């Protein structure tokens, strides 16, 4: 009887809720970052394109980099979702919640950085073309923030405790 109670404490019926919230938060926050980065950079590209339309395709890089953040969130959410099964331990639920929050919020921060740098960078590089390489380097370091979140989220989601 005591073993049954311990198993119920490790694997309550509410445990999958935390795993699903981790998957949800990874995708939602990553897509919020991607949307913000795309919108903010797109405004800068549109403004710059009025005066220098030949530079629009060259300066589309921040929009592409912001879109990759949504893919990071999708990868994390898909991996977490495939690991949710019955029985599911509370440890797994908390690990997956932490994993989703880690990856999603890192992508949100990266998207905000990409959007701000992309907006200002494409406008500035239209006036001074030598600023383009500097903008790209800053965007790479901003994208790395989302990549760090993806890597840590994958490591966190790989931890598991069996319900026995």
N, C-alpha and C. Protein backbone atom coordinates (compact mmCIF):
# COMPACT_ATOMS: atom_id res chain seq x y z
N UNK A 1 0.83 -1.20 0.00
CA UNK A 1 0.00 0.00 0.00
C UNK A 1 0.86 1.26 0.00
N UNK A 2 1.95 1.21 0.76
CA UNK A 2 2.83 2.37 0.83
C UNK A 2 3.49 2.64 -0.54
N UNK A 3 3.89 1.60 -1.26
CA UNK A 3 4.49 1.77 -2.57
C UNK A 3 3.51 2.39 -3.55
N UNK A 4 2.25 2.01 -3.46
CA UNK A 4 1.23 2.57 -4.34
C UNK A 4 1.07 4.07 -4.10
N UNK A 5 1.10 4.48 -2.85
CA UNK A 5 0.97 5.90 -2.53
C UNK A 5 2.19 6.68 -3.03
N UNK A 6 3.37 6.11 -2.92
CA UNK A 6 4.56 6.80 -3.40
C UNK A 6 4.53 6.94 -4.92
N UNK A 7 4.06 5.91 -5.59
CA UNK A 7 3.94 5.99 -7.05
C UNK A 7 2.93 7.06 -7.45
N UNK A 8 1.83 7.19 -6.71
CA UNK A 8 0.85 8.22 -7.00
C UNK A 8 1.41 9.61 -6.75
N UNK A 9 2.27 9.73 -5.71
CA UNK A 9 2.88 11.02 -5.43
C UNK A 9 3.86 11.42 -6.53
N UNK A 10 4.56 10.46 -7.10
CA UNK A 10 5.52 10.76 -8.17
C UNK A 10 4.82 11.00 -9.50
N UNK A 11 3.68 10.37 -9.68
CA UNK A 11 2.99 10.44 -10.98
C UNK A 11 1.51 10.77 -10.81
N UNK A 12 1.20 11.96 -10.33
CA UNK A 12 -0.21 12.31 -10.17
C UNK A 12 -0.86 12.55 -11.54
N UNK A 13 -2.18 12.48 -11.59
CA UNK A 13 -2.88 12.70 -12.86
C UNK A 13 -2.69 14.11 -13.43
N UNK A 14 -2.32 15.05 -12.59
CA UNK A 14 -2.13 16.43 -13.05
C UNK A 14 -0.74 16.68 -13.64
N UNK A 15 0.17 15.74 -13.56
CA UNK A 15 1.55 15.95 -14.03
C UNK A 15 1.64 16.31 -15.51
N UNK A 16 0.86 15.67 -16.40
CA UNK A 16 0.98 16.05 -17.82
C UNK A 16 0.64 17.51 -18.11
N UNK A 17 -0.16 18.13 -17.23
CA UNK A 17 -0.49 19.54 -17.42
C UNK A 17 0.77 20.39 -17.52
N UNK A 18 1.74 20.11 -16.66
CA UNK A 18 2.97 20.90 -16.66
C UNK A 18 3.78 20.65 -17.93
N UNK A 19 3.78 19.43 -18.42
CA UNK A 19 4.47 19.13 -19.67
C UNK A 19 3.84 19.85 -20.84
N UNK A 20 2.51 19.81 -20.89
CA UNK A 20 1.82 20.50 -21.99
C UNK A 20 2.00 22.02 -21.89
N UNK A 21 2.05 22.55 -20.68
CA UNK A 21 2.31 23.98 -20.52
C UNK A 21 3.72 24.34 -20.97
N UNK A 22 4.67 23.43 -20.78
CA UNK A 22 6.02 23.66 -21.27
C UNK A 22 6.07 23.71 -22.78
N UNK A 23 5.38 22.77 -23.41
CA UNK A 23 5.34 22.76 -24.88
C UNK A 23 4.64 24.02 -25.40
N UNK A 24 3.55 24.39 -24.75
CA UNK A 24 2.81 25.58 -25.16
C UNK A 24 3.64 26.84 -25.00
N UNK A 25 4.30 26.97 -23.84
CA UNK A 25 5.07 28.19 -23.61
C UNK A 25 6.26 28.28 -24.55
N UNK A 26 6.87 27.16 -24.89
CA UNK A 26 7.99 27.20 -25.85
C UNK A 26 7.53 27.76 -27.18
N UNK A 27 6.43 27.25 -27.69
CA UNK A 27 5.96 27.69 -29.00
C UNK A 27 5.41 29.11 -28.96
N UNK A 28 4.64 29.44 -27.95
CA UNK A 28 4.01 30.76 -27.88
C UNK A 28 5.05 31.86 -27.71
N UNK A 29 5.97 31.70 -26.75
CA UNK A 29 6.96 32.75 -26.53
C UNK A 29 7.93 32.87 -27.70
N UNK A 30 8.31 31.75 -28.29
CA UNK A 30 9.21 31.80 -29.45
C UNK A 30 8.52 32.50 -30.63
N UNK A 31 7.26 32.20 -30.83
CA UNK A 31 6.53 32.85 -31.93
C UNK A 31 6.29 34.33 -31.66
N UNK A 32 6.10 34.69 -30.39
CA UNK A 32 5.99 36.11 -30.06
C UNK A 32 7.29 36.84 -30.40
N UNK A 33 8.43 36.24 -30.06
CA UNK A 33 9.72 36.83 -30.40
C UNK A 33 9.91 36.92 -31.90
N UNK A 34 9.54 35.85 -32.61
CA UNK A 34 9.67 35.85 -34.06
C UNK A 34 8.76 36.91 -34.69
N UNK A 35 7.55 37.03 -34.19
CA UNK A 35 6.62 38.01 -34.74
C UNK A 35 7.09 39.43 -34.48
N UNK A 36 7.57 39.68 -33.28
CA UNK A 36 8.06 41.03 -32.96
C UNK A 36 9.27 41.37 -33.83
N UNK A 37 10.21 40.44 -33.92
CA UNK A 37 11.40 40.67 -34.73
C UNK A 37 11.06 40.90 -36.19
N UNK A 38 10.13 40.13 -36.71
CA UNK A 38 9.71 40.28 -38.10
C UNK A 38 9.01 41.63 -38.32
N UNK A 39 8.11 41.97 -37.42
CA UNK A 39 7.34 43.21 -37.58
C UNK A 39 8.25 44.44 -37.46
N UNK A 40 9.07 44.44 -36.44
CA UNK A 40 9.93 45.61 -36.21
C UNK A 40 10.94 45.77 -37.35
N UNK A 41 11.56 44.67 -37.76
CA UNK A 41 12.50 44.74 -38.89
C UNK A 41 11.79 45.10 -40.19
N UNK A 42 10.59 44.57 -40.37
CA UNK A 42 9.82 44.86 -41.58
C UNK A 42 9.47 46.33 -41.70
N UNK A 43 9.19 46.97 -40.58
CA UNK A 43 8.92 48.41 -40.60
C UNK A 43 10.16 49.17 -41.06
N UNK A 44 11.32 48.77 -40.55
CA UNK A 44 12.56 49.43 -40.97
C UNK A 44 12.86 49.20 -42.43
N UNK A 45 12.63 47.98 -42.91
CA UNK A 45 12.87 47.67 -44.33
C UNK A 45 11.92 48.47 -45.21
N UNK A 46 10.66 48.56 -44.81
CA UNK A 46 9.69 49.33 -45.59
C UNK A 46 10.07 50.81 -45.65
N UNK A 47 10.48 51.33 -44.53
CA UNK A 47 10.88 52.74 -44.49
C UNK A 47 12.12 52.99 -45.33
N UNK A 48 13.08 52.09 -45.24
CA UNK A 48 14.31 52.21 -46.01
C UNK A 48 14.04 52.00 -47.50
N UNK A 49 13.12 51.12 -47.82
CA UNK A 49 12.82 50.80 -49.21
C UNK A 49 12.21 51.92 -50.00
N UNK A 50 11.64 52.90 -49.33
CA UNK A 50 11.07 54.05 -50.03
C UNK A 50 12.17 54.84 -50.72
N UNK A 51 13.29 55.01 -50.04
CA UNK A 51 14.40 55.79 -50.59
C UNK A 51 15.38 54.94 -51.39
N UNK A 52 15.59 53.69 -50.97
CA UNK A 52 16.58 52.82 -51.62
C UNK A 52 15.97 51.45 -51.90
N UNK A 53 15.06 51.34 -52.86
CA UNK A 53 14.38 50.07 -53.11
C UNK A 53 15.32 48.95 -53.57
N UNK A 54 16.46 49.27 -54.10
CA UNK A 54 17.40 48.24 -54.55
C UNK A 54 18.04 47.49 -53.38
N UNK A 55 17.92 48.01 -52.16
CA UNK A 55 18.53 47.37 -50.98
C UNK A 55 17.56 46.50 -50.18
N UNK A 56 16.32 46.42 -50.61
CA UNK A 56 15.32 45.69 -49.83
C UNK A 56 15.68 44.21 -49.68
N UNK A 57 16.03 43.55 -50.77
CA UNK A 57 16.34 42.11 -50.69
C UNK A 57 17.61 41.84 -49.89
N UNK A 58 18.56 42.74 -49.97
CA UNK A 58 19.80 42.58 -49.20
C UNK A 58 19.53 42.72 -47.70
N UNK A 59 18.61 43.58 -47.35
CA UNK A 59 18.35 43.85 -45.93
C UNK A 59 17.20 43.01 -45.35
N UNK A 60 16.83 41.95 -46.03
CA UNK A 60 15.76 41.09 -45.54
C UNK A 60 16.28 40.10 -44.47
N UNK A 61 17.58 40.08 -44.24
CA UNK A 61 18.21 39.12 -43.32
C UNK A 61 17.61 39.16 -41.91
N UNK A 62 17.34 40.32 -41.30
CA UNK A 62 16.75 40.29 -39.96
C UNK A 62 15.39 39.58 -39.91
N UNK A 63 14.62 39.69 -40.98
CA UNK A 63 13.31 39.02 -41.01
C UNK A 63 13.49 37.50 -41.03
N UNK A 64 14.46 37.04 -41.81
CA UNK A 64 14.74 35.60 -41.88
C UNK A 64 15.24 35.09 -40.53
N UNK A 65 16.13 35.85 -39.90
CA UNK A 65 16.68 35.43 -38.61
C UNK A 65 15.60 35.40 -37.54
N UNK A 66 14.66 36.33 -37.59
CA UNK A 66 13.56 36.33 -36.63
C UNK A 66 12.65 35.12 -36.86
N UNK A 67 12.43 34.74 -38.11
CA UNK A 67 11.59 33.58 -38.41
C UNK A 67 12.18 32.28 -37.91
N UNK A 68 13.49 32.19 -37.86
CA UNK A 68 14.15 30.99 -37.35
C UNK A 68 13.82 30.76 -35.88
N UNK A 69 13.57 31.82 -35.14
CA UNK A 69 13.23 31.69 -33.72
C UNK A 69 11.93 30.90 -33.54
N UNK A 70 10.98 31.11 -34.42
CA UNK A 70 9.74 30.34 -34.36
C UNK A 70 9.99 28.87 -34.59
N UNK A 71 10.95 28.54 -35.44
CA UNK A 71 11.31 27.14 -35.69
C UNK A 71 11.92 26.53 -34.44
N UNK A 72 12.75 27.30 -33.72
CA UNK A 72 13.32 26.80 -32.46
C UNK A 72 12.21 26.42 -31.48
N UNK A 73 11.22 27.30 -31.36
CA UNK A 73 10.10 27.01 -30.45
C UNK A 73 9.32 25.80 -30.88
N UNK A 74 9.14 25.64 -32.19
CA UNK A 74 8.44 24.47 -32.71
C UNK A 74 9.19 23.18 -32.40
N UNK A 75 10.51 23.20 -32.55
CA UNK A 75 11.32 22.02 -32.26
C UNK A 75 11.19 21.63 -30.79
N UNK A 76 11.30 22.61 -29.90
CA UNK A 76 11.19 22.33 -28.47
C UNK A 76 9.81 21.78 -28.14
N UNK A 77 8.76 22.40 -28.65
CA UNK A 77 7.40 21.96 -28.36
C UNK A 77 7.15 20.55 -28.90
N UNK A 78 7.66 20.25 -30.08
CA UNK A 78 7.46 18.92 -30.65
C UNK A 78 8.18 17.85 -29.83
N UNK A 79 9.39 18.14 -29.38
CA UNK A 79 10.12 17.17 -28.58
C UNK A 79 9.44 16.93 -27.24
N UNK A 80 9.00 18.01 -26.59
CA UNK A 80 8.31 17.86 -25.31
C UNK A 80 7.02 17.07 -25.50
N UNK A 81 6.26 17.40 -26.52
CA UNK A 81 4.96 16.75 -26.74
C UNK A 81 5.10 15.25 -26.98
N UNK A 82 6.15 14.85 -27.67
CA UNK A 82 6.32 13.42 -27.94
C UNK A 82 6.73 12.64 -26.70
N UNK A 83 7.22 13.33 -25.68
CA UNK A 83 7.64 12.65 -24.45
C UNK A 83 6.53 12.55 -23.40
N UNK A 84 5.39 13.15 -23.67
CA UNK A 84 4.27 13.10 -22.72
C UNK A 84 3.47 11.84 -22.98
N UNK A 85 3.42 10.97 -21.98
CA UNK A 85 2.69 9.71 -22.11
C UNK A 85 2.12 9.34 -20.75
N UNK A 86 1.42 8.24 -20.72
CA UNK A 86 0.82 7.75 -19.47
C UNK A 86 1.55 6.48 -19.06
N UNK A 87 2.17 6.36 -17.93
CA UNK A 87 2.26 7.31 -16.82
C UNK A 87 3.32 8.38 -17.09
N UNK A 88 3.17 9.49 -16.38
CA UNK A 88 4.03 10.65 -16.58
C UNK A 88 4.35 11.21 -15.20
N UNK A 89 5.62 11.33 -14.90
CA UNK A 89 6.01 11.74 -13.54
C UNK A 89 5.95 13.25 -13.38
N UNK A 90 5.81 13.67 -12.14
CA UNK A 90 5.79 15.09 -11.82
C UNK A 90 7.15 15.72 -12.14
N UNK A 91 8.22 14.95 -11.93
CA UNK A 91 9.56 15.43 -12.29
C UNK A 91 9.63 15.75 -13.78
N UNK A 92 9.11 14.85 -14.60
CA UNK A 92 9.10 15.08 -16.04
C UNK A 92 8.29 16.32 -16.39
N UNK A 93 7.15 16.50 -15.73
CA UNK A 93 6.31 17.66 -15.99
C UNK A 93 7.03 18.96 -15.68
N UNK A 94 7.70 19.00 -14.54
CA UNK A 94 8.43 20.22 -14.17
C UNK A 94 9.64 20.43 -15.08
N UNK A 95 10.32 19.34 -15.45
CA UNK A 95 11.47 19.45 -16.36
C UNK A 95 11.01 19.98 -17.72
N UNK A 96 9.89 19.51 -18.20
CA UNK A 96 9.39 19.97 -19.49
C UNK A 96 8.84 21.39 -19.42
N UNK A 97 8.26 21.75 -18.29
CA UNK A 97 7.81 23.14 -18.12
C UNK A 97 9.01 24.07 -18.12
N UNK A 98 10.03 23.73 -17.35
CA UNK A 98 11.24 24.54 -17.32
C UNK A 98 11.91 24.61 -18.68
N UNK A 99 11.92 23.49 -19.37
CA UNK A 99 12.51 23.43 -20.70
C UNK A 99 11.78 24.36 -21.67
N UNK A 100 10.47 24.31 -21.66
CA UNK A 100 9.69 25.16 -22.55
C UNK A 100 9.83 26.64 -22.23
N UNK A 101 9.83 26.96 -20.94
CA UNK A 101 10.01 28.36 -20.56
C UNK A 101 11.40 28.86 -20.92
N UNK A 102 12.39 28.03 -20.71
CA UNK A 102 13.77 28.41 -21.03
C UNK A 102 13.92 28.71 -22.51
N UNK A 103 13.49 27.80 -23.35
CA UNK A 103 13.62 27.99 -24.78
C UNK A 103 12.74 29.11 -25.31
N UNK A 104 11.50 29.16 -24.84
CA UNK A 104 10.56 30.17 -25.33
C UNK A 104 10.95 31.58 -24.95
N UNK A 105 11.33 31.78 -23.69
CA UNK A 105 11.69 33.13 -23.25
C UNK A 105 13.02 33.58 -23.85
N UNK A 106 13.95 32.64 -24.07
CA UNK A 106 15.20 33.00 -24.74
C UNK A 106 14.92 33.46 -26.17
N UNK A 107 14.01 32.78 -26.84
CA UNK A 107 13.65 33.20 -28.20
C UNK A 107 12.89 34.52 -28.21
N UNK A 108 12.10 34.76 -27.19
CA UNK A 108 11.41 36.05 -27.08
C UNK A 108 12.43 37.19 -26.95
N UNK A 109 13.41 37.00 -26.08
CA UNK A 109 14.45 38.02 -25.90
C UNK A 109 15.25 38.20 -27.19
N UNK A 110 15.59 37.11 -27.85
CA UNK A 110 16.34 37.20 -29.10
C UNK A 110 15.52 37.92 -30.17
N UNK A 111 14.24 37.65 -30.23
CA UNK A 111 13.38 38.31 -31.21
C UNK A 111 13.28 39.80 -30.98
N UNK A 112 13.23 40.20 -29.72
CA UNK A 112 13.20 41.62 -29.42
C UNK A 112 14.50 42.29 -29.85
N UNK A 113 15.62 41.63 -29.58
CA UNK A 113 16.92 42.19 -29.98
C UNK A 113 17.04 42.26 -31.50
N UNK A 114 16.63 41.20 -32.17
CA UNK A 114 16.70 41.18 -33.64
C UNK A 114 15.82 42.27 -34.24
N UNK A 115 14.64 42.46 -33.68
CA UNK A 115 13.74 43.48 -34.20
C UNK A 115 14.29 44.88 -34.05
N UNK A 116 14.83 45.18 -32.89
CA UNK A 116 15.35 46.53 -32.64
C UNK A 116 16.59 46.79 -33.49
N UNK A 117 17.51 45.82 -33.49
CA UNK A 117 18.74 45.97 -34.29
C UNK A 117 18.41 45.97 -35.78
N UNK A 118 17.48 45.11 -36.19
CA UNK A 118 17.11 45.06 -37.60
C UNK A 118 16.50 46.34 -38.09
N UNK A 119 15.62 46.92 -37.28
CA UNK A 119 14.97 48.17 -37.66
C UNK A 119 15.99 49.29 -37.82
N UNK A 120 16.78 49.51 -36.79
CA UNK A 120 17.77 50.59 -36.85
C UNK A 120 18.88 50.27 -37.85
N UNK A 121 19.26 49.01 -37.92
CA UNK A 121 20.38 48.62 -38.78
C UNK A 121 20.10 48.77 -40.26
N UNK A 122 18.92 48.38 -40.70
CA UNK A 122 18.64 48.51 -42.14
C UNK A 122 18.48 49.98 -42.54
N UNK A 123 17.95 50.79 -41.66
CA UNK A 123 17.84 52.23 -41.96
C UNK A 123 19.24 52.86 -42.03
N UNK A 124 20.09 52.48 -41.08
CA UNK A 124 21.43 53.05 -41.05
C UNK A 124 22.28 52.56 -42.21
N UNK A 125 22.16 51.27 -42.55
CA UNK A 125 22.97 50.73 -43.64
C UNK A 125 22.54 51.26 -45.00
N UNK A 126 21.33 51.79 -45.10
CA UNK A 126 20.91 52.43 -46.35
C UNK A 126 21.62 53.77 -46.53
N UNK A 127 21.92 54.42 -45.42
CA UNK A 127 22.62 55.71 -45.49
C UNK A 127 24.14 55.53 -45.54
N UNK A 128 24.65 54.51 -44.83
CA UNK A 128 26.09 54.24 -44.79
C UNK A 128 26.30 52.75 -45.00
N UNK A 129 26.60 52.30 -46.21
CA UNK A 129 26.70 50.87 -46.52
C UNK A 129 27.74 50.10 -45.70
N UNK A 130 28.74 50.79 -45.16
CA UNK A 130 29.75 50.09 -44.36
C UNK A 130 29.20 49.58 -43.02
N UNK A 131 28.04 50.03 -42.62
CA UNK A 131 27.43 49.56 -41.37
C UNK A 131 26.76 48.20 -41.52
N UNK A 132 26.62 47.72 -42.75
CA UNK A 132 25.90 46.46 -42.99
C UNK A 132 26.56 45.28 -42.28
N UNK A 133 27.88 45.14 -42.37
CA UNK A 133 28.59 44.02 -41.74
C UNK A 133 28.44 44.08 -40.22
N UNK A 134 28.52 45.27 -39.65
CA UNK A 134 28.32 45.42 -38.20
C UNK A 134 26.93 45.01 -37.77
N UNK A 135 25.94 45.38 -38.58
CA UNK A 135 24.56 44.98 -38.27
C UNK A 135 24.42 43.46 -38.30
N UNK A 136 25.03 42.82 -39.30
CA UNK A 136 24.94 41.37 -39.41
C UNK A 136 25.59 40.70 -38.20
N UNK A 137 26.73 41.21 -37.75
CA UNK A 137 27.40 40.63 -36.58
C UNK A 137 26.53 40.76 -35.33
N UNK A 138 25.92 41.90 -35.15
CA UNK A 138 25.04 42.10 -33.99
C UNK A 138 23.84 41.15 -34.08
N UNK A 139 23.29 40.99 -35.26
CA UNK A 139 22.16 40.07 -35.45
C UNK A 139 22.56 38.63 -35.14
N UNK A 140 23.77 38.24 -35.51
CA UNK A 140 24.24 36.88 -35.23
C UNK A 140 24.30 36.64 -33.73
N UNK A 141 24.83 37.61 -33.00
CA UNK A 141 24.91 37.45 -31.54
C UNK A 141 23.52 37.47 -30.90
N UNK A 142 22.59 38.22 -31.46
CA UNK A 142 21.22 38.21 -30.95
C UNK A 142 20.56 36.86 -31.23
N UNK A 143 20.78 36.30 -32.40
CA UNK A 143 20.24 34.99 -32.75
C UNK A 143 20.82 33.90 -31.86
N UNK A 144 22.07 34.08 -31.46
CA UNK A 144 22.72 33.09 -30.59
C UNK A 144 22.00 32.95 -29.26
N UNK A 145 21.36 34.02 -28.80
CA UNK A 145 20.60 33.93 -27.54
C UNK A 145 19.48 32.90 -27.66
N UNK A 146 18.78 32.92 -28.77
CA UNK A 146 17.74 31.92 -29.00
C UNK A 146 18.30 30.53 -29.14
N UNK A 147 19.46 30.40 -29.78
CA UNK A 147 20.11 29.11 -29.94
C UNK A 147 20.56 28.55 -28.60
N UNK A 148 21.06 29.41 -27.71
CA UNK A 148 21.42 28.96 -26.37
C UNK A 148 20.20 28.43 -25.64
N UNK A 149 19.09 29.12 -25.76
CA UNK A 149 17.85 28.65 -25.14
C UNK A 149 17.41 27.31 -25.70
N UNK A 150 17.55 27.12 -27.01
CA UNK A 150 17.20 25.84 -27.64
C UNK A 150 18.07 24.72 -27.08
N UNK A 151 19.37 24.94 -27.00
CA UNK A 151 20.28 23.90 -26.51
C UNK A 151 19.98 23.53 -25.07
N UNK A 152 19.80 24.52 -24.21
CA UNK A 152 19.50 24.23 -22.80
C UNK A 152 18.14 23.56 -22.67
N UNK A 153 17.17 23.97 -23.47
CA UNK A 153 15.84 23.35 -23.41
C UNK A 153 15.92 21.88 -23.82
N UNK A 154 16.70 21.56 -24.83
CA UNK A 154 16.85 20.16 -25.24
C UNK A 154 17.52 19.34 -24.16
N UNK A 155 18.52 19.91 -23.49
CA UNK A 155 19.18 19.18 -22.40
C UNK A 155 18.21 18.98 -21.24
N UNK A 156 17.47 20.03 -20.89
CA UNK A 156 16.52 19.91 -19.78
C UNK A 156 15.41 18.91 -20.06
N UNK A 157 14.94 18.87 -21.30
CA UNK A 157 13.84 17.97 -21.62
C UNK A 157 14.27 16.52 -21.71
N UNK A 158 15.57 16.28 -21.75
CA UNK A 158 16.04 14.89 -21.81
C UNK A 158 16.09 14.22 -20.44
N UNK A 159 16.00 15.00 -19.37
CA UNK A 159 15.96 14.41 -18.03
C UNK A 159 14.62 13.71 -17.81
N UNK A 160 14.66 12.57 -17.14
CA UNK A 160 13.43 11.81 -16.96
C UNK A 160 13.50 10.95 -15.70
N UNK A 161 12.35 10.77 -15.06
CA UNK A 161 12.21 9.86 -13.92
C UNK A 161 11.02 8.95 -14.21
N UNK A 162 11.25 7.65 -14.10
CA UNK A 162 10.19 6.68 -14.40
C UNK A 162 9.20 6.57 -13.25
N UNK A 163 7.98 6.24 -13.57
CA UNK A 163 6.93 6.00 -12.58
C UNK A 163 6.93 4.53 -12.21
N UNK A 164 7.60 4.20 -11.15
CA UNK A 164 7.61 2.78 -10.71
C UNK A 164 7.19 2.65 -9.29
